[in-house]
Protein backbone atom coordinates (compact mmCIF):
# COMPACT_ATOMS: atom_id res chain seq x y z
CA MET A 1 -22.82 -105.59 -115.97
CA TYR A 2 -19.82 -103.72 -117.37
CA ASP A 3 -16.51 -105.36 -118.20
CA VAL A 4 -13.85 -103.27 -116.45
CA SER A 5 -10.77 -105.32 -117.34
CA LEU A 6 -7.98 -103.26 -118.86
CA PHE A 7 -6.52 -106.15 -120.85
CA SER A 8 -8.09 -109.16 -122.46
CA VAL A 9 -6.78 -111.68 -124.95
CA ASP A 10 -8.63 -109.79 -127.68
CA SER A 11 -7.09 -106.44 -126.73
CA ILE A 12 -3.58 -107.91 -126.49
CA HIS A 13 -3.99 -109.29 -130.01
CA THR A 14 -4.06 -105.67 -131.24
CA ILE A 15 -0.86 -103.69 -131.75
CA GLY A 16 -1.91 -101.10 -129.18
CA GLY A 17 -2.76 -103.65 -126.53
CA ALA A 18 0.34 -105.76 -127.16
CA SER A 19 2.72 -102.82 -127.14
CA ALA A 20 1.12 -101.39 -123.98
CA ALA A 21 1.46 -104.77 -122.28
CA VAL A 22 5.11 -105.06 -123.36
CA LEU A 23 5.86 -101.54 -122.14
CA LEU A 24 4.27 -102.16 -118.74
CA ILE A 25 5.88 -105.58 -118.25
CA VAL A 26 9.34 -104.28 -119.22
CA GLN A 27 9.02 -101.32 -116.86
CA LEU A 28 8.19 -103.72 -114.03
CA LEU A 29 10.93 -106.22 -114.87
CA LYS A 30 13.88 -104.00 -115.76
CA ASP A 31 14.69 -103.01 -112.18
CA LEU A 32 14.78 -106.55 -110.84
CA PRO A 33 18.25 -107.49 -109.60
CA GLY A 34 18.95 -110.24 -112.15
CA LEU A 35 17.66 -108.24 -115.12
CA ARG A 36 19.36 -104.89 -114.58
CA ARG A 37 22.34 -105.77 -116.77
CA ILE A 38 20.19 -106.88 -119.72
CA PRO A 39 19.74 -104.08 -122.29
CA THR A 40 16.18 -102.81 -122.14
CA LYS A 41 15.63 -103.17 -125.89
CA LEU A 42 16.60 -106.84 -125.70
CA LEU A 43 14.32 -107.32 -122.70
CA ALA A 44 11.46 -105.69 -124.63
CA LEU A 45 12.07 -108.04 -127.57
CA VAL A 46 12.06 -111.11 -125.31
CA VAL A 47 8.89 -109.94 -123.55
CA GLY A 48 7.18 -109.22 -126.88
CA GLU A 49 8.03 -112.65 -128.26
CA ALA A 50 7.03 -114.41 -125.02
CA LEU A 51 3.75 -112.51 -124.92
CA PHE A 52 2.77 -113.59 -128.42
CA LEU A 53 3.87 -117.17 -127.80
CA ALA A 54 1.70 -117.21 -124.67
CA ILE A 55 -1.46 -115.79 -126.23
CA THR A 56 -1.39 -117.46 -129.66
CA THR A 57 -3.47 -120.62 -129.76
CA PRO A 58 -3.04 -122.84 -131.59
CA LEU A 59 0.63 -122.32 -132.33
CA PRO A 60 1.48 -122.07 -136.03
CA THR A 61 2.24 -125.23 -137.98
CA THR A 62 3.95 -123.59 -140.96
CA SER A 63 7.13 -121.57 -141.30
CA VAL A 64 5.08 -118.62 -142.58
CA GLY A 65 2.93 -118.76 -139.44
CA TRP A 66 6.04 -118.76 -137.23
CA ALA A 67 7.49 -115.85 -139.20
CA VAL A 68 4.31 -113.85 -138.64
CA LEU A 69 4.37 -114.71 -134.93
CA LEU A 70 8.01 -113.59 -134.72
CA LEU A 71 7.28 -110.34 -136.56
CA ASN A 72 4.32 -109.62 -134.27
CA GLY A 73 6.61 -109.87 -131.24
CA VAL A 74 9.22 -107.63 -132.89
CA LEU A 75 6.57 -105.08 -133.83
CA ALA A 76 5.07 -104.98 -130.34
CA ALA A 77 8.54 -104.52 -128.81
CA SER A 78 9.44 -101.79 -131.31
CA VAL A 79 6.24 -99.85 -130.67
CA ALA A 80 6.72 -100.17 -126.91
CA ILE A 81 10.29 -98.86 -127.16
CA GLY A 82 9.17 -95.99 -129.38
CA GLY A 83 6.30 -95.18 -127.05
CA TRP A 84 8.69 -95.02 -124.11
CA HIS A 85 10.96 -92.61 -126.02
CA ILE A 86 7.97 -90.32 -126.60
CA VAL A 87 7.09 -90.43 -122.90
CA ARG A 88 10.69 -89.58 -122.03
CA ARG A 89 10.66 -86.59 -124.38
CA LEU A 90 7.53 -85.25 -122.75
CA THR A 91 9.22 -85.38 -119.33
CA PRO A 92 12.77 -84.10 -120.00
CA ASN A 93 13.46 -83.00 -116.42
CA ASP A 94 13.41 -86.55 -115.13
CA LYS A 95 16.92 -87.80 -114.32
CA LYS A 96 16.25 -91.45 -115.12
CA LYS A 97 18.30 -93.11 -117.82
CA GLU A 98 16.61 -93.62 -121.19
CA TRP A 99 16.35 -96.96 -122.94
């Protein structure tokens, strides 16, 4: 039997999986009525941090562990934002506002 899931905990623990998940979640959330006024980069950062807090078990017990967890969320958000800018450059005729 083949595993056809697009995301798993193991794939989200990679930079590619985490940044793809952040990008998709932000794209779904950013047009919700209560979230439209929040800058998209800030929303991506919050989603990246929340994602890593949700999938990291057990949570770190040292300040170094928390710093690494924080940096993982920042990195995933940054890659997602950069990936979206590349997508926007490839489709310049679209009238939607960039991040």
